Amino acid sequence: MKALLIQFWRARAPRERLVLGGGAALLVLALGYAYGWLPMQRDAAQMRKELPQLRVQARQLQQDAAEVVRLRAQTVVARTVDSLTSIVEQRAVAGGLRERIESITALDTRHVRVVLPQVAFDAWVAWLGELQANDGIRVESARIEAGDTAGVIKVEAVLAGAG
C-alpha cells in the first residue's frame, strides 16, 4: 500500500503535487477546526456562562465551612449533677410525665437514672425527643417492659447529657 502511494505521488507533475498537498493541508485544517477548535470554543463559552454560579457556590461553601468551624469551637457547657437532674425534671413537667416518674437519680455529672413504672409509650418517646432535640440528652441504656394495658410500658433508663 505504501509503495503504491509513493508510486502515485512520484507519477504526478510538480504542479499536481502542489495542488494535492495544498488540498490535503486544507482538509487537515478543516477537520482540526471542526473536531478540535469548535468543540473547545463551545465548552469554553459554557464554562464562562457557569463560572459566576460556581463562584457563588464556592463562597457559600466557604461560609458554611467557617460556620462549621465556629460551631465546633463552641464549648459545651459542662452540666452539674443538679442541672442535669433539673433539666430532666423540667422536661418531664413540661411533657406531663412528672407524675409518672417514680424516681430521678443522678449517677454522676453526665448520667441520670429515670424510673417510670407506668407510662404511655408515645408520651415516653415524645419526651425523649424533646430531651434530645432541646438539651442534647440521649438514652444511654434502657430496660422497657410491657405494662398491664396496651400502649403502656414500664421504663428504667439511664440518660446521658452532653458535656
N, C-alpha and C. Protein backbone atom coordinates (compact mmCIF):
# COMPACT_ATOMS: atom_id res chain seq x y z
N MET A 1 0.83 -1.19 0.00
CA MET A 1 0.00 0.00 0.00
C MET A 1 0.87 1.25 0.00
N LYS A 2 1.90 1.26 0.87
CA LYS A 2 2.78 2.41 0.95
C LYS A 2 3.52 2.60 -0.38
N ALA A 3 3.92 1.50 -0.96
CA ALA A 3 4.64 1.58 -2.24
C ALA A 3 3.74 2.16 -3.32
N LEU A 4 2.45 1.80 -3.29
CA LEU A 4 1.51 2.32 -4.29
C LEU A 4 1.34 3.84 -4.12
N LEU A 5 1.28 4.30 -2.85
CA LEU A 5 1.14 5.74 -2.62
C LEU A 5 2.38 6.50 -3.09
N ILE A 6 3.56 5.93 -2.83
CA ILE A 6 4.80 6.59 -3.26
C ILE A 6 4.86 6.62 -4.78
N GLN A 7 4.48 5.55 -5.41
CA GLN A 7 4.49 5.49 -6.88
C GLN A 7 3.48 6.49 -7.45
N PHE A 8 2.28 6.58 -6.81
CA PHE A 8 1.26 7.54 -7.26
C PHE A 8 1.80 8.96 -7.14
N TRP A 9 2.45 9.27 -5.99
CA TRP A 9 2.97 10.62 -5.75
C TRP A 9 4.05 10.99 -6.74
N ARG A 10 4.95 10.06 -7.05
CA ARG A 10 6.06 10.33 -7.97
C ARG A 10 5.58 10.47 -9.41
N ALA A 11 4.45 9.85 -9.71
CA ALA A 11 3.92 9.93 -11.08
C ALA A 11 3.26 11.28 -11.35
N ARG A 12 3.00 12.08 -10.35
CA ARG A 12 2.34 13.39 -10.51
C ARG A 12 3.37 14.44 -10.89
N ALA A 13 2.90 15.39 -11.64
CA ALA A 13 3.72 16.53 -12.04
C ALA A 13 3.87 17.45 -10.82
N PRO A 14 4.94 18.28 -10.76
CA PRO A 14 5.15 19.15 -9.60
C PRO A 14 3.95 20.04 -9.30
N ARG A 15 3.32 20.55 -10.32
CA ARG A 15 2.14 21.41 -10.09
C ARG A 15 0.99 20.59 -9.49
N GLU A 16 0.81 19.36 -9.95
CA GLU A 16 -0.23 18.49 -9.43
C GLU A 16 0.06 18.13 -7.96
N ARG A 17 1.34 17.89 -7.63
CA ARG A 17 1.73 17.61 -6.26
C ARG A 17 1.40 18.80 -5.36
N LEU A 18 1.63 19.99 -5.85
CA LEU A 18 1.33 21.20 -5.10
C LEU A 18 -0.16 21.32 -4.82
N VAL A 19 -0.99 21.04 -5.79
CA VAL A 19 -2.44 21.12 -5.61
C VAL A 19 -2.91 20.04 -4.63
N LEU A 20 -2.40 18.79 -4.80
CA LEU A 20 -2.79 17.71 -3.89
C LEU A 20 -2.31 17.98 -2.46
N GLY A 21 -1.11 18.46 -2.30
CA GLY A 21 -0.57 18.79 -0.98
C GLY A 21 -1.36 19.92 -0.33
N GLY A 22 -1.68 20.94 -1.11
CA GLY A 22 -2.48 22.06 -0.58
C GLY A 22 -3.87 21.61 -0.18
N GLY A 23 -4.48 20.74 -0.99
CA GLY A 23 -5.81 20.22 -0.68
C GLY A 23 -5.79 19.39 0.59
N ALA A 24 -4.73 18.56 0.74
CA ALA A 24 -4.61 17.74 1.94
C ALA A 24 -4.43 18.63 3.17
N ALA A 25 -3.61 19.68 3.04
CA ALA A 25 -3.39 20.59 4.16
C ALA A 25 -4.69 21.30 4.54
N LEU A 26 -5.47 21.74 3.54
CA LEU A 26 -6.76 22.38 3.82
C LEU A 26 -7.73 21.40 4.48
N LEU A 27 -7.70 20.13 4.05
CA LEU A 27 -8.56 19.12 4.65
C LEU A 27 -8.19 18.90 6.12
N VAL A 28 -6.89 18.83 6.41
CA VAL A 28 -6.44 18.66 7.80
C VAL A 28 -6.86 19.86 8.63
N LEU A 29 -6.69 21.07 8.11
CA LEU A 29 -7.11 22.27 8.83
C LEU A 29 -8.61 22.30 9.08
N ALA A 30 -9.39 21.94 8.07
CA ALA A 30 -10.85 21.94 8.21
C ALA A 30 -11.29 20.92 9.27
N LEU A 31 -10.70 19.72 9.24
CA LEU A 31 -11.05 18.70 10.24
C LEU A 31 -10.60 19.13 11.64
N GLY A 32 -9.43 19.73 11.76
CA GLY A 32 -8.96 20.22 13.05
C GLY A 32 -9.88 21.31 13.60
N TYR A 33 -10.35 22.18 12.72
CA TYR A 33 -11.25 23.24 13.14
C TYR A 33 -12.60 22.65 13.57
N ALA A 34 -13.15 21.73 12.77
CA ALA A 34 -14.47 21.18 13.06
C ALA A 34 -14.48 20.27 14.28
N TYR A 35 -13.44 19.45 14.45
CA TYR A 35 -13.44 18.47 15.54
C TYR A 35 -12.56 18.85 16.72
N GLY A 36 -11.81 19.93 16.61
CA GLY A 36 -10.94 20.35 17.69
C GLY A 36 -11.29 21.72 18.22
N TRP A 37 -11.17 22.71 17.38
CA TRP A 37 -11.34 24.10 17.80
C TRP A 37 -12.78 24.44 18.19
N LEU A 38 -13.74 24.10 17.34
CA LEU A 38 -15.14 24.43 17.64
C LEU A 38 -15.65 23.81 18.94
N PRO A 39 -15.42 22.52 19.20
CA PRO A 39 -15.87 21.97 20.49
C PRO A 39 -15.22 22.65 21.70
N MET A 40 -13.93 22.99 21.56
CA MET A 40 -13.27 23.69 22.67
C MET A 40 -13.90 25.06 22.90
N GLN A 41 -14.24 25.76 21.84
CA GLN A 41 -14.86 27.08 21.97
C GLN A 41 -16.24 26.97 22.60
N ARG A 42 -17.01 25.95 22.20
CA ARG A 42 -18.33 25.76 22.81
C ARG A 42 -18.21 25.45 24.30
N ASP A 43 -17.27 24.58 24.65
CA ASP A 43 -17.06 24.24 26.06
C ASP A 43 -16.60 25.46 26.86
N ALA A 44 -15.71 26.26 26.28
CA ALA A 44 -15.23 27.46 26.97
C ALA A 44 -16.38 28.45 27.20
N ALA A 45 -17.25 28.60 26.20
CA ALA A 45 -18.40 29.50 26.36
C ALA A 45 -19.33 28.99 27.46
N GLN A 46 -19.54 27.69 27.49
CA GLN A 46 -20.39 27.09 28.53
C GLN A 46 -19.77 27.32 29.91
N MET A 47 -18.46 27.14 30.03
CA MET A 47 -17.78 27.35 31.31
C MET A 47 -17.84 28.81 31.74
N ARG A 48 -17.69 29.73 30.78
CA ARG A 48 -17.80 31.16 31.12
C ARG A 48 -19.21 31.48 31.63
N LYS A 49 -20.20 30.82 31.07
CA LYS A 49 -21.57 31.04 31.49
C LYS A 49 -21.81 30.48 32.90
N GLU A 50 -21.21 29.34 33.25
CA GLU A 50 -21.41 28.70 34.54
C GLU A 50 -20.52 29.27 35.64
N LEU A 51 -19.46 29.98 35.28
CA LEU A 51 -18.48 30.45 36.25
C LEU A 51 -19.07 31.33 37.36
N PRO A 52 -19.93 32.32 37.07
CA PRO A 52 -20.49 33.12 38.17
C PRO A 52 -21.27 32.28 39.18
N GLN A 53 -22.03 31.34 38.70
CA GLN A 53 -22.80 30.48 39.61
C GLN A 53 -21.86 29.62 40.46
N LEU A 54 -20.80 29.12 39.86
CA LEU A 54 -19.84 28.31 40.61
C LEU A 54 -19.11 29.15 41.65
N ARG A 55 -18.85 30.41 41.34
CA ARG A 55 -18.21 31.30 42.32
C ARG A 55 -19.13 31.53 43.51
N VAL A 56 -20.42 31.70 43.24
CA VAL A 56 -21.39 31.88 44.33
C VAL A 56 -21.43 30.62 45.20
N GLN A 57 -21.43 29.46 44.57
CA GLN A 57 -21.43 28.21 45.33
C GLN A 57 -20.15 28.08 46.16
N ALA A 58 -19.02 28.47 45.60
CA ALA A 58 -17.75 28.38 46.34
C ALA A 58 -17.78 29.31 47.55
N ARG A 59 -18.31 30.52 47.37
CA ARG A 59 -18.42 31.44 48.51
C ARG A 59 -19.33 30.88 49.59
N GLN A 60 -20.44 30.28 49.17
CA GLN A 60 -21.37 29.69 50.13
C GLN A 60 -20.70 28.54 50.89
N LEU A 61 -19.94 27.71 50.17
CA LEU A 61 -19.23 26.62 50.83
C LEU A 61 -18.20 27.14 51.83
N GLN A 62 -17.52 28.23 51.48
CA GLN A 62 -16.56 28.81 52.40
C GLN A 62 -17.26 29.34 53.65
N GLN A 63 -18.41 29.98 53.46
CA GLN A 63 -19.17 30.48 54.60
C GLN A 63 -19.66 29.32 55.47
N ASP A 64 -20.12 28.25 54.81
CA ASP A 64 -20.58 27.07 55.56
C ASP A 64 -19.43 26.44 56.33
N ALA A 65 -18.26 26.37 55.71
CA ALA A 65 -17.09 25.80 56.39
C ALA A 65 -16.71 26.65 57.60
N ALA A 66 -16.77 27.97 57.44
CA ALA A 66 -16.47 28.85 58.57
C ALA A 66 -17.49 28.66 59.69
N GLU A 67 -18.74 28.46 59.34
CA GLU A 67 -19.79 28.22 60.34
C GLU A 67 -19.54 26.91 61.07
N VAL A 68 -19.13 25.88 60.34
CA VAL A 68 -18.83 24.59 60.97
C VAL A 68 -17.68 24.75 61.96
N VAL A 69 -16.64 25.46 61.55
CA VAL A 69 -15.51 25.69 62.45
C VAL A 69 -15.96 26.45 63.69
N ARG A 70 -16.80 27.47 63.48
CA ARG A 70 -17.29 28.26 64.61
C ARG A 70 -18.11 27.40 65.57
N LEU A 71 -19.00 26.57 65.02
CA LEU A 71 -19.86 25.74 65.87
C LEU A 71 -19.05 24.66 66.60
N ARG A 72 -18.05 24.12 65.93
CA ARG A 72 -17.22 23.12 66.60
C ARG A 72 -16.38 23.74 67.71
N ALA A 73 -16.05 25.00 67.55
CA ALA A 73 -15.22 25.67 68.54
C ALA A 73 -16.00 26.05 69.79
N GLN A 74 -17.32 26.12 69.66
CA GLN A 74 -18.12 26.46 70.84
C GLN A 74 -17.93 25.39 71.90
N THR A 75 -17.69 25.83 73.08
CA THR A 75 -17.50 24.87 74.16
C THR A 75 -18.85 24.44 74.69
N VAL A 76 -18.94 23.18 74.96
CA VAL A 76 -20.16 22.64 75.56
C VAL A 76 -20.06 22.91 77.05
N VAL A 77 -21.06 23.58 77.56
CA VAL A 77 -21.07 23.90 78.98
C VAL A 77 -21.26 22.62 79.77
N ALA A 78 -20.32 22.35 80.65
CA ALA A 78 -20.40 21.14 81.47
C ALA A 78 -21.55 21.30 82.46
N ARG A 79 -22.37 20.28 82.53
CA ARG A 79 -23.50 20.33 83.44
C ARG A 79 -23.11 19.76 84.79
N THR A 80 -23.70 20.30 85.78
CA THR A 80 -23.51 19.73 87.11
C THR A 80 -24.56 18.66 87.31
N VAL A 81 -24.40 17.88 88.36
CA VAL A 81 -25.38 16.83 88.67
C VAL A 81 -26.76 17.45 88.83
N ASP A 82 -26.84 18.55 89.57
CA ASP A 82 -28.14 19.19 89.82
C ASP A 82 -28.76 19.72 88.54
N SER A 83 -27.94 20.30 87.66
CA SER A 83 -28.53 20.89 86.46
C SER A 83 -29.08 19.82 85.52
N LEU A 84 -28.38 18.69 85.36
CA LEU A 84 -28.89 17.62 84.51
C LEU A 84 -30.18 17.05 85.09
N THR A 85 -30.20 16.81 86.37
CA THR A 85 -31.41 16.30 87.02
C THR A 85 -32.55 17.29 86.88
N SER A 86 -32.26 18.58 87.08
CA SER A 86 -33.33 19.57 86.98
C SER A 86 -33.83 19.72 85.54
N ILE A 87 -32.95 19.61 84.57
CA ILE A 87 -33.39 19.68 83.17
C ILE A 87 -34.33 18.52 82.86
N VAL A 88 -33.95 17.32 83.28
CA VAL A 88 -34.79 16.14 83.04
C VAL A 88 -36.15 16.33 83.73
N GLU A 89 -36.13 16.83 84.94
CA GLU A 89 -37.37 17.03 85.68
C GLU A 89 -38.22 18.12 85.03
N GLN A 90 -37.61 19.22 84.60
CA GLN A 90 -38.35 20.29 83.94
C GLN A 90 -39.01 19.81 82.66
N ARG A 91 -38.27 19.03 81.87
CA ARG A 91 -38.85 18.48 80.64
C ARG A 91 -39.99 17.50 80.96
N ALA A 92 -39.87 16.77 82.06
CA ALA A 92 -40.94 15.85 82.45
C ALA A 92 -42.18 16.62 82.83
N VAL A 93 -42.01 17.71 83.57
CA VAL A 93 -43.15 18.56 83.94
C VAL A 93 -43.79 19.14 82.68
N ALA A 94 -42.95 19.68 81.79
CA ALA A 94 -43.47 20.28 80.55
C ALA A 94 -44.17 19.25 79.67
N GLY A 95 -43.69 18.01 79.70
CA GLY A 95 -44.29 16.96 78.88
C GLY A 95 -45.43 16.23 79.57
N GLY A 96 -45.75 16.63 80.79
CA GLY A 96 -46.84 15.99 81.52
C GLY A 96 -46.50 14.61 82.05
N LEU A 97 -45.22 14.31 82.22
CA LEU A 97 -44.82 12.99 82.69
C LEU A 97 -44.33 12.98 84.13
N ARG A 98 -44.26 14.12 84.79
CA ARG A 98 -43.66 14.17 86.14
C ARG A 98 -44.39 13.26 87.11
N GLU A 99 -45.71 13.20 87.04
CA GLU A 99 -46.45 12.35 87.97
C GLU A 99 -46.25 10.86 87.66
N ARG A 100 -45.76 10.54 86.48
CA ARG A 100 -45.49 9.14 86.10
C ARG A 100 -44.10 8.68 86.54
N ILE A 101 -43.22 9.62 86.85
CA ILE A 101 -41.85 9.27 87.20
C ILE A 101 -41.79 8.87 88.68
N GLU A 102 -41.27 7.68 88.92
CA GLU A 102 -41.10 7.18 90.29
C GLU A 102 -39.85 7.80 90.92
N SER A 103 -38.75 7.87 90.11
CA SER A 103 -37.53 8.47 90.66
C SER A 103 -36.63 8.98 89.54
N ILE A 104 -35.89 10.03 89.90
CA ILE A 104 -34.83 10.57 89.05
C ILE A 104 -33.58 10.59 89.94
N THR A 105 -32.62 9.76 89.60
CA THR A 105 -31.42 9.62 90.43
C THR A 105 -30.19 10.00 89.62
N ALA A 106 -29.40 10.94 90.14
CA ALA A 106 -28.16 11.32 89.47
C ALA A 106 -27.11 10.26 89.75
N LEU A 107 -26.49 9.74 88.67
CA LEU A 107 -25.43 8.74 88.82
C LEU A 107 -24.06 9.42 88.87
N ASP A 108 -23.89 10.44 88.05
CA ASP A 108 -22.69 11.29 88.06
C ASP A 108 -23.07 12.58 87.34
N THR A 109 -22.09 13.38 86.96
CA THR A 109 -22.41 14.68 86.34
C THR A 109 -23.02 14.54 84.96
N ARG A 110 -22.85 13.39 84.33
CA ARG A 110 -23.35 13.22 82.97
C ARG A 110 -24.48 12.20 82.85
N HIS A 111 -24.84 11.51 83.92
CA HIS A 111 -25.82 10.44 83.82
C HIS A 111 -26.89 10.55 84.89
N VAL A 112 -28.13 10.25 84.48
CA VAL A 112 -29.27 10.27 85.38
C VAL A 112 -30.09 9.01 85.12
N ARG A 113 -30.50 8.32 86.19
CA ARG A 113 -31.39 7.15 86.04
C ARG A 113 -32.81 7.63 86.29
N VAL A 114 -33.70 7.23 85.38
CA VAL A 114 -35.12 7.60 85.47
C VAL A 114 -35.94 6.31 85.50
N VAL A 115 -36.88 6.24 86.44
CA VAL A 115 -37.75 5.07 86.55
C VAL A 115 -39.19 5.54 86.39
N LEU A 116 -39.88 4.95 85.43
CA LEU A 116 -41.30 5.23 85.19
C LEU A 116 -42.04 3.90 85.24
N PRO A 117 -42.81 3.63 86.31
CA PRO A 117 -43.47 2.33 86.44
C PRO A 117 -44.60 2.12 85.42
N GLN A 118 -45.29 3.18 85.04
CA GLN A 118 -46.35 3.05 84.04
C GLN A 118 -46.44 4.35 83.26
N VAL A 119 -46.13 4.27 81.95
CA VAL A 119 -46.18 5.46 81.11
C VAL A 119 -46.60 5.03 79.70
N ALA A 120 -47.34 5.89 79.04
CA ALA A 120 -47.73 5.61 77.66
C ALA A 120 -46.48 5.65 76.77
N PHE A 121 -46.35 4.68 75.91
CA PHE A 121 -45.17 4.59 75.05
C PHE A 121 -44.99 5.85 74.21
N ASP A 122 -46.07 6.34 73.61
CA ASP A 122 -45.98 7.55 72.78
C ASP A 122 -45.51 8.75 73.58
N ALA A 123 -45.98 8.90 74.81
CA ALA A 123 -45.57 10.02 75.65
C ALA A 123 -44.08 9.90 75.99
N TRP A 124 -43.62 8.68 76.27
CA TRP A 124 -42.22 8.43 76.59
C TRP A 124 -41.32 8.82 75.41
N VAL A 125 -41.69 8.37 74.22
CA VAL A 125 -40.89 8.66 73.03
C VAL A 125 -40.89 10.16 72.73
N ALA A 126 -42.02 10.82 72.88
CA ALA A 126 -42.09 12.26 72.64
C ALA A 126 -41.20 13.01 73.65
N TRP A 127 -41.23 12.59 74.90
CA TRP A 127 -40.40 13.21 75.93
C TRP A 127 -38.91 13.05 75.62
N LEU A 128 -38.52 11.84 75.20
CA LEU A 128 -37.12 11.61 74.82
C LEU A 128 -36.72 12.48 73.63
N GLY A 129 -37.63 12.64 72.69
CA GLY A 129 -37.34 13.50 71.54
C GLY A 129 -37.09 14.93 71.97
N GLU A 130 -37.90 15.43 72.90
CA GLU A 130 -37.71 16.78 73.43
C GLU A 130 -36.36 16.91 74.15
N LEU A 131 -36.04 15.93 74.97
CA LEU A 131 -34.77 15.96 75.70
C LEU A 131 -33.58 16.00 74.74
N GLN A 132 -33.66 15.19 73.69
CA GLN A 132 -32.53 15.14 72.76
C GLN A 132 -32.47 16.38 71.89
N ALA A 133 -33.60 16.82 71.37
CA ALA A 133 -33.61 17.97 70.46
C ALA A 133 -33.24 19.27 71.16
N ASN A 134 -33.76 19.47 72.35
CA ASN A 134 -33.56 20.75 73.03
C ASN A 134 -32.36 20.80 73.95
N ASP A 135 -31.98 19.66 74.53
CA ASP A 135 -30.94 19.67 75.55
C ASP A 135 -29.76 18.76 75.26
N GLY A 136 -29.83 18.00 74.18
CA GLY A 136 -28.74 17.09 73.85
C GLY A 136 -28.64 15.91 74.78
N ILE A 137 -29.71 15.61 75.49
CA ILE A 137 -29.73 14.47 76.41
C ILE A 137 -30.28 13.27 75.64
N ARG A 138 -29.56 12.16 75.74
CA ARG A 138 -29.96 10.97 74.98
C ARG A 138 -30.03 9.76 75.90
N VAL A 139 -30.67 8.72 75.42
CA VAL A 139 -30.78 7.48 76.18
C VAL A 139 -29.48 6.70 76.00
N GLU A 140 -28.85 6.39 77.10
CA GLU A 140 -27.63 5.58 77.03
C GLU A 140 -27.97 4.11 77.17
N SER A 141 -28.90 3.79 78.06
CA SER A 141 -29.37 2.42 78.19
C SER A 141 -30.80 2.47 78.73
N ALA A 142 -31.57 1.45 78.40
CA ALA A 142 -32.96 1.42 78.87
C ALA A 142 -33.44 -0.02 78.96
N ARG A 143 -34.27 -0.25 79.95
CA ARG A 143 -34.97 -1.53 80.07
C ARG A 143 -36.45 -1.19 80.00
N ILE A 144 -37.10 -1.72 78.99
CA ILE A 144 -38.51 -1.41 78.76
C ILE A 144 -39.30 -2.71 78.80
N GLU A 145 -40.36 -2.71 79.60
CA GLU A 145 -41.23 -3.88 79.71
C GLU A 145 -42.65 -3.47 79.40
N ALA A 146 -43.42 -4.40 78.89
CA ALA A 146 -44.82 -4.14 78.58
C ALA A 146 -45.59 -3.93 79.88
N GLY A 147 -46.53 -2.99 79.84
CA GLY A 147 -47.37 -2.72 81.01
C GLY A 147 -48.59 -3.61 81.02
N ASP A 148 -49.50 -3.31 81.94
CA ASP A 148 -50.71 -4.12 82.09
C ASP A 148 -51.71 -3.85 80.97
N THR A 149 -51.70 -2.64 80.42
CA THR A 149 -52.65 -2.31 79.35
C THR A 149 -51.87 -2.01 78.06
N ALA A 150 -52.60 -2.07 76.96
CA ALA A 150 -51.97 -1.84 75.66
C ALA A 150 -51.45 -0.41 75.56
N GLY A 151 -50.23 -0.26 75.04
CA GLY A 151 -49.63 1.06 74.85
C GLY A 151 -48.95 1.62 76.07
N VAL A 152 -48.97 0.86 77.19
CA VAL A 152 -48.35 1.33 78.43
C VAL A 152 -47.12 0.47 78.69
N ILE A 153 -46.04 1.11 79.13
CA ILE A 153 -44.79 0.40 79.37
C ILE A 153 -44.22 0.77 80.74
N LYS A 154 -43.30 -0.06 81.20
CA LYS A 154 -42.52 0.24 82.40
C LYS A 154 -41.09 0.49 81.92
N VAL A 155 -40.49 1.61 82.37
CA VAL A 155 -39.18 2.01 81.86
C VAL A 155 -38.22 2.27 82.99
N GLU A 156 -37.00 1.75 82.84
CA GLU A 156 -35.87 2.13 83.66
C GLU A 156 -34.79 2.52 82.67
N ALA A 157 -34.40 3.79 82.69
CA ALA A 157 -33.46 4.27 81.68
C ALA A 157 -32.34 5.10 82.31
N VAL A 158 -31.19 5.04 81.66
CA VAL A 158 -30.08 5.93 82.02
C VAL A 158 -29.94 6.93 80.90
N LEU A 159 -30.09 8.20 81.27
CA LEU A 159 -29.98 9.28 80.29
C LEU A 159 -28.62 9.93 80.43
N ALA A 160 -28.00 10.25 79.29
CA ALA A 160 -26.68 10.86 79.31
C ALA A 160 -26.77 12.26 78.73
N GLY A 161 -26.17 13.21 79.44
CA GLY A 161 -26.16 14.59 78.98
C GLY A 161 -24.89 14.88 78.21
N ALA A 162 -24.93 15.89 77.37
CA ALA A 162 -23.75 16.32 76.62
C ALA A 162 -22.79 17.02 77.58
N GLY A 163 -21.51 16.93 77.27
CA GLY A 163 -20.55 17.68 78.08
C GLY A 163 -19.47 16.85 78.65
